[in-house]
Amino acid sequence: MLLLRTSKGMGLVEVMIAIFLTSTAIFAAFSLQAPAWKAAAKADYTGRASEIMHRQLESTEAYLMNQCNTVASSETGVPAIPVAGANASSTYNVSVSGLGGIKGDATYTVTTAIAAQTVTYFRVTVTVTWPPLNPTGITQTIFVSRQQYFKNGC
C-alpha cells in the first residue's frame, strides 16, 4: 500500500493554532493584572488604616485608664474626657509618610468618639477614612474602664 504522505514536523495549520492559543493565554494573563493592582492597593490602604486605628484605640484606652487624665490630649488626638452620660469627639489627619506636604502621600482622617457610660466606664469608637478613595472607612469600638487609684491618686 502506498503511503499518502510521510512528513515530519508541523504544518502551517498547527503552527497558527499554537500561536493563537499562546496569544490568547498571554492576553488573558495581562487582563488580570489591572484588577490585581487594584486589589493590592485596596489591601495596602486598609492595612495602613487598620494600624492607625489600632494605635489610636490603644492610646485612647491607656489615656482613659489613668484616673489623673481629664483634659484633651492633642498629641494623640484623644478628646476631652466627658462626664457621665455625655459624649466627646475629636478629628485629625494622619499622613502615611509622617511628613506633611509630600505629593501623592495618602492622608487618613481619624475620628475618635468617647461616650461616658458612667464616671469610670467609657465606650470608645475610632473611625479611620481615606477620602476620596474610601469615605466610609473602617470603624472599631472598645469599652474602657478607669483604674481606681490608691491613696491620693494624682
C-alpha atoms as a PDB file:
ATOM      1  CA  MET A   1       0.000   0.000   0.000  1.00  0.00           C
ATOM      2  CA  LEU A   2       1.088   3.436  -0.775  1.00  0.00           C
ATOM      3  CA  LEU A   3       1.552   5.961   1.966  1.00  0.00           C
ATOM      4  CA  LEU A   4      -0.261   9.150   1.211  1.00  0.00           C
ATOM      5  CA  ARG A   5       2.227  11.365   2.924  1.00  0.00           C
ATOM      6  CA  THR A   6       5.258  10.751   5.039  1.00  0.00           C
ATOM      7  CA  SER A   7       6.238  14.087   6.540  1.00  0.00           C
ATOM      8  CA  LYS A   8       7.735  15.037   9.814  1.00  0.00           C
ATOM      9  CA  GLY A   9       7.132  18.255  11.737  1.00  0.00           C
ATOM     10  CA  MET A  10       4.176  20.561  11.994  1.00  0.00           C
ATOM     11  CA  GLY A  11       2.091  22.027   9.291  1.00  0.00           C
ATOM     12  CA  LEU A  12       1.008  25.633   8.906  1.00  0.00           C
ATOM     13  CA  VAL A  13      -2.419  24.992  10.444  1.00  0.00           C
ATOM     14  CA  GLU A  14      -0.922  23.523  13.612  1.00  0.00           C
ATOM     15  CA  VAL A  15       1.505  26.452  13.948  1.00  0.00           C
ATOM     16  CA  MET A  16      -1.310  29.001  13.542  1.00  0.00           C
ATOM     17  CA  ILE A  17      -3.418  27.231  16.189  1.00  0.00           C
ATOM     18  CA  ALA A  18      -0.455  27.147  18.603  1.00  0.00           C
ATOM     19  CA  ILE A  19       0.186  30.884  18.070  1.00  0.00           C
ATOM     20  CA  PHE A  20      -3.496  31.685  18.604  1.00  0.00           C
ATOM     21  CA  LEU A  21      -3.705  29.674  21.840  1.00  0.00           C
ATOM     22  CA  THR A  22      -0.464  31.155  23.194  1.00  0.00           C
ATOM     23  CA  SER A  23      -1.504  34.735  22.423  1.00  0.00           C
ATOM     24  CA  THR A  24      -4.934  34.139  23.995  1.00  0.00           C
ATOM     25  CA  ALA A  25      -3.281  32.878  27.199  1.00  0.00           C
ATOM     26  CA  ILE A  26      -0.915  35.881  27.319  1.00  0.00           C
ATOM     27  CA  PHE A  27      -3.742  38.380  26.812  1.00  0.00           C
ATOM     28  CA  ALA A  28      -5.809  36.634  29.493  1.00  0.00           C
ATOM     29  CA  ALA A  29      -2.908  36.950  31.944  1.00  0.00           C
ATOM     30  CA  PHE A  30      -2.496  40.660  31.084  1.00  0.00           C
ATOM     31  CA  SER A  31      -6.197  41.295  31.631  1.00  0.00           C
ATOM     32  CA  LEU A  32      -5.831  40.077  35.248  1.00  0.00           C
ATOM     33  CA  GLN A  33      -3.007  42.499  36.004  1.00  0.00           C
ATOM     34  CA  ALA A  34      -5.106  45.672  36.483  1.00  0.00           C
ATOM     35  CA  PRO A  35      -7.599  44.084  38.925  1.00  0.00           C
ATOM     36  CA  ALA A  36      -4.664  42.596  40.850  1.00  0.00           C
ATOM     37  CA  TRP A  37      -3.059  46.049  41.208  1.00  0.00           C
ATOM     38  CA  LYS A  38      -6.377  47.499  42.378  1.00  0.00           C
ATOM     39  CA  ALA A  39      -6.853  44.729  44.955  1.00  0.00           C
ATOM     40  CA  ALA A  40      -3.276  45.169  46.190  1.00  0.00           C
ATOM     41  CA  ALA A  41      -3.761  48.941  46.560  1.00  0.00           C
ATOM     42  CA  LYS A  42      -7.026  48.437  48.456  1.00  0.00           C
ATOM     43  CA  ALA A  43      -5.360  45.940  50.789  1.00  0.00           C
ATOM     44  CA  ASP A  44      -2.474  48.363  51.367  1.00  0.00           C
ATOM     45  CA  TYR A  45      -4.785  51.274  52.242  1.00  0.00           C
ATOM     46  CA  THR A  46      -6.925  49.088  54.505  1.00  0.00           C
ATOM     47  CA  GLY A  47      -3.878  47.648  56.272  1.00  0.00           C
ATOM     48  CA  ARG A  48      -2.442  51.096  56.966  1.00  0.00           C
ATOM     49  CA  ALA A  49      -5.837  52.330  58.198  1.00  0.00           C
ATOM     50  CA  SER A  50      -6.115  49.305  60.477  1.00  0.00           C
ATOM     51  CA  GLU A  51      -2.714  50.050  62.006  1.00  0.00           C
ATOM     52  CA  ILE A  52      -3.635  53.718  62.562  1.00  0.00           C
ATOM     53  CA  MET A  53      -6.968  52.702  64.123  1.00  0.00           C
ATOM     54  CA  HIS A  54      -5.345  50.142  66.425  1.00  0.00           C
ATOM     55  CA  ARG A  55      -2.740  52.682  67.578  1.00  0.00           C
ATOM     56  CA  GLN A  56      -5.478  55.258  68.284  1.00  0.00           C
ATOM     57  CA  LEU A  57      -7.567  52.734  70.226  1.00  0.00           C
ATOM     58  CA  GLU A  58      -4.580  51.740  72.358  1.00  0.00           C
ATOM     59  CA  SER A  59      -3.533  55.308  73.139  1.00  0.00           C
ATOM     60  CA  THR A  60      -7.113  56.322  73.976  1.00  0.00           C
ATOM     61  CA  GLU A  61      -7.540  53.280  76.207  1.00  0.00           C
ATOM     62  CA  ALA A  62      -4.285  53.995  78.061  1.00  0.00           C
ATOM     63  CA  TYR A  63      -5.261  57.649  78.445  1.00  0.00           C
ATOM     64  CA  LEU A  64      -8.713  56.832  79.810  1.00  0.00           C
ATOM     65  CA  MET A  65      -7.492  54.175  82.212  1.00  0.00           C
ATOM     66  CA  ASN A  66      -5.355  56.701  84.074  1.00  0.00           C
ATOM     67  CA  GLN A  67      -7.510  58.457  86.671  1.00  0.00           C
ATOM     68  CA  CYS A  68      -5.281  61.566  86.545  1.00  0.00           C
ATOM     69  CA  ASN A  69      -6.105  62.373  82.903  1.00  0.00           C
ATOM     70  CA  THR A  70      -9.095  64.646  82.430  1.00  0.00           C
ATOM     71  CA  VAL A  71      -8.328  67.064  79.575  1.00  0.00           C
ATOM     72  CA  ALA A  72      -7.848  66.570  75.838  1.00  0.00           C
ATOM     73  CA  SER A  73      -4.530  65.227  74.588  1.00  0.00           C
ATOM     74  CA  SER A  74      -3.567  66.995  71.363  1.00  0.00           C
ATOM     75  CA  GLU A  75      -0.530  64.729  70.828  1.00  0.00           C
ATOM     76  CA  THR A  76      -2.662  61.605  70.489  1.00  0.00           C
ATOM     77  CA  GLY A  77      -5.961  63.063  69.276  1.00  0.00           C
ATOM     78  CA  VAL A  78      -7.843  61.965  72.400  1.00  0.00           C
ATOM     79  CA  PRO A  79     -10.787  64.307  73.079  1.00  0.00           C
ATOM     80  CA  ALA A  80     -11.541  65.755  76.484  1.00  0.00           C
ATOM     81  CA  ILE A  81     -12.934  63.091  78.758  1.00  0.00           C
ATOM     82  CA  PRO A  82     -16.692  63.626  79.052  1.00  0.00           C
ATOM     83  CA  VAL A  83     -18.779  63.458  82.201  1.00  0.00           C
ATOM     84  CA  ALA A  84     -21.201  60.580  82.715  1.00  0.00           C
ATOM     85  CA  GLY A  85     -23.898  60.482  80.056  1.00  0.00           C
ATOM     86  CA  ALA A  86     -22.074  62.895  77.737  1.00  0.00           C
ATOM     87  CA  ASN A  87     -20.058  62.452  74.542  1.00  0.00           C
ATOM     88  CA  ALA A  88     -16.843  63.969  73.210  1.00  0.00           C
ATOM     89  CA  SER A  89     -15.084  63.574  69.887  1.00  0.00           C
ATOM     90  CA  SER A  90     -12.042  64.777  68.005  1.00  0.00           C
ATOM     91  CA  THR A  91     -10.841  64.515  64.409  1.00  0.00           C
ATOM     92  CA  TYR A  92      -7.355  64.841  62.993  1.00  0.00           C
ATOM     93  CA  ASN A  93      -5.428  63.849  59.850  1.00  0.00           C
ATOM     94  CA  VAL A  94      -2.541  61.402  59.572  1.00  0.00           C
ATOM     95  CA  SER A  95      -0.259  61.260  56.539  1.00  0.00           C
ATOM     96  CA  VAL A  96       1.330  57.925  55.727  1.00  0.00           C
ATOM     97  CA  SER A  97       4.868  59.277  55.488  1.00  0.00           C
ATOM     98  CA  GLY A  98       4.550  61.176  58.749  1.00  0.00           C
ATOM     99  CA  LEU A  99       5.566  64.296  56.884  1.00  0.00           C
ATOM    100  CA  GLY A 100       3.223  66.918  55.532  1.00  0.00           C
ATOM    101  CA  GLY A 101       3.175  68.265  52.012  1.00  0.00           C
ATOM    102  CA  ILE A 102       4.589  65.304  50.074  1.00  0.00           C
ATOM    103  CA  LYS A 103       2.873  64.993  46.719  1.00  0.00           C
ATOM    104  CA  GLY A 104       0.941  61.734  46.409  1.00  0.00           C
ATOM    105  CA  ASP A 105       1.114  60.991  50.131  1.00  0.00           C
ATOM    106  CA  ALA A 106      -2.016  59.230  51.412  1.00  0.00           C
ATOM    107  CA  THR A 107      -3.891  61.102  54.138  1.00  0.00           C
ATOM    108  CA  TYR A 108      -6.171  59.364  56.607  1.00  0.00           C
ATOM    109  CA  THR A 109      -8.812  61.088  58.725  1.00  0.00           C
ATOM    110  CA  VAL A 110      -9.066  59.714  62.266  1.00  0.00           C
ATOM    111  CA  THR A 111     -12.204  60.408  64.309  1.00  0.00           C
ATOM    112  CA  THR A 112     -12.282  59.386  67.966  1.00  0.00           C
ATOM    113  CA  ALA A 113     -15.573  59.476  69.878  1.00  0.00           C
ATOM    114  CA  ILE A 114     -15.871  58.824  73.601  1.00  0.00           C
ATOM    115  CA  ALA A 115     -19.236  58.164  75.222  1.00  0.00           C
ATOM    116  CA  ALA A 116     -19.143  58.170  79.012  1.00  0.00           C
ATOM    117  CA  GLN A 117     -21.475  55.454  80.253  1.00  0.00           C
ATOM    118  CA  THR A 118     -20.628  56.176  83.895  1.00  0.00           C
ATOM    119  CA  VAL A 119     -17.848  58.084  85.660  1.00  0.00           C
ATOM    120  CA  THR A 120     -15.444  55.171  85.191  1.00  0.00           C
ATOM    121  CA  TYR A 121     -16.822  53.338  82.133  1.00  0.00           C
ATOM    122  CA  PHE A 122     -16.435  54.613  78.537  1.00  0.00           C
ATOM    123  CA  ARG A 123     -17.284  53.493  75.011  1.00  0.00           C
ATOM    124  CA  VAL A 124     -14.564  54.495  72.552  1.00  0.00           C
ATOM    125  CA  THR A 125     -15.245  54.425  68.804  1.00  0.00           C
ATOM    126  CA  VAL A 126     -12.480  55.153  66.313  1.00  0.00           C
ATOM    127  CA  THR A 127     -13.216  55.621  62.610  1.00  0.00           C
ATOM    128  CA  VAL A 128     -10.452  55.898  60.020  1.00  0.00           C
ATOM    129  CA  THR A 129     -11.296  57.092  56.498  1.00  0.00           C
ATOM    130  CA  TRP A 130      -9.162  57.874  53.490  1.00  0.00           C
ATOM    131  CA  PRO A 131     -11.200  60.124  51.220  1.00  0.00           C
ATOM    132  CA  PRO A 132     -11.803  60.226  48.304  1.00  0.00           C
ATOM    133  CA  LEU A 133     -10.955  56.522  47.895  1.00  0.00           C
ATOM    134  CA  ASN A 134     -12.999  55.296  50.857  1.00  0.00           C
ATOM    135  CA  PRO A 135     -15.167  57.904  52.579  1.00  0.00           C
ATOM    136  CA  THR A 136     -16.797  55.335  54.910  1.00  0.00           C
ATOM    137  CA  GLY A 137     -13.539  53.788  56.124  1.00  0.00           C
ATOM    138  CA  ILE A 138     -13.227  51.286  58.941  1.00  0.00           C
ATOM    139  CA  THR A 139     -14.595  51.517  62.488  1.00  0.00           C
ATOM    140  CA  GLN A 140     -13.809  49.774  65.766  1.00  0.00           C
ATOM    141  CA  THR A 141     -15.407  50.150  69.202  1.00  0.00           C
ATOM    142  CA  ILE A 142     -13.959  49.188  72.576  1.00  0.00           C
ATOM    143  CA  PHE A 143     -15.144  49.625  76.149  1.00  0.00           C
ATOM    144  CA  VAL A 144     -12.726  51.040  78.704  1.00  0.00           C
ATOM    145  CA  SER A 145     -12.984  51.184  82.480  1.00  0.00           C
ATOM    146  CA  ARG A 146     -10.855  53.507  84.557  1.00  0.00           C
ATOM    147  CA  GLN A 147      -8.412  52.138  87.055  1.00  0.00           C
ATOM    148  CA  GLN A 148      -9.113  53.094  90.624  1.00  0.00           C
ATOM    149  CA  TYR A 149      -6.257  54.960  92.215  1.00  0.00           C
ATOM    150  CA  PHE A 150      -4.758  54.371  95.626  1.00  0.00           C
ATOM    151  CA  LYS A 151      -4.390  56.950  98.409  1.00  0.00           C
ATOM    152  CA  ASN A 152      -4.381  60.451  96.937  1.00  0.00           C
ATOM    153  CA  GLY A 153      -4.047  59.248  93.343  1.00  0.00           C
ATOM    154  CA  CYS A 154      -2.957  62.204  91.275  1.00  0.00           C
END
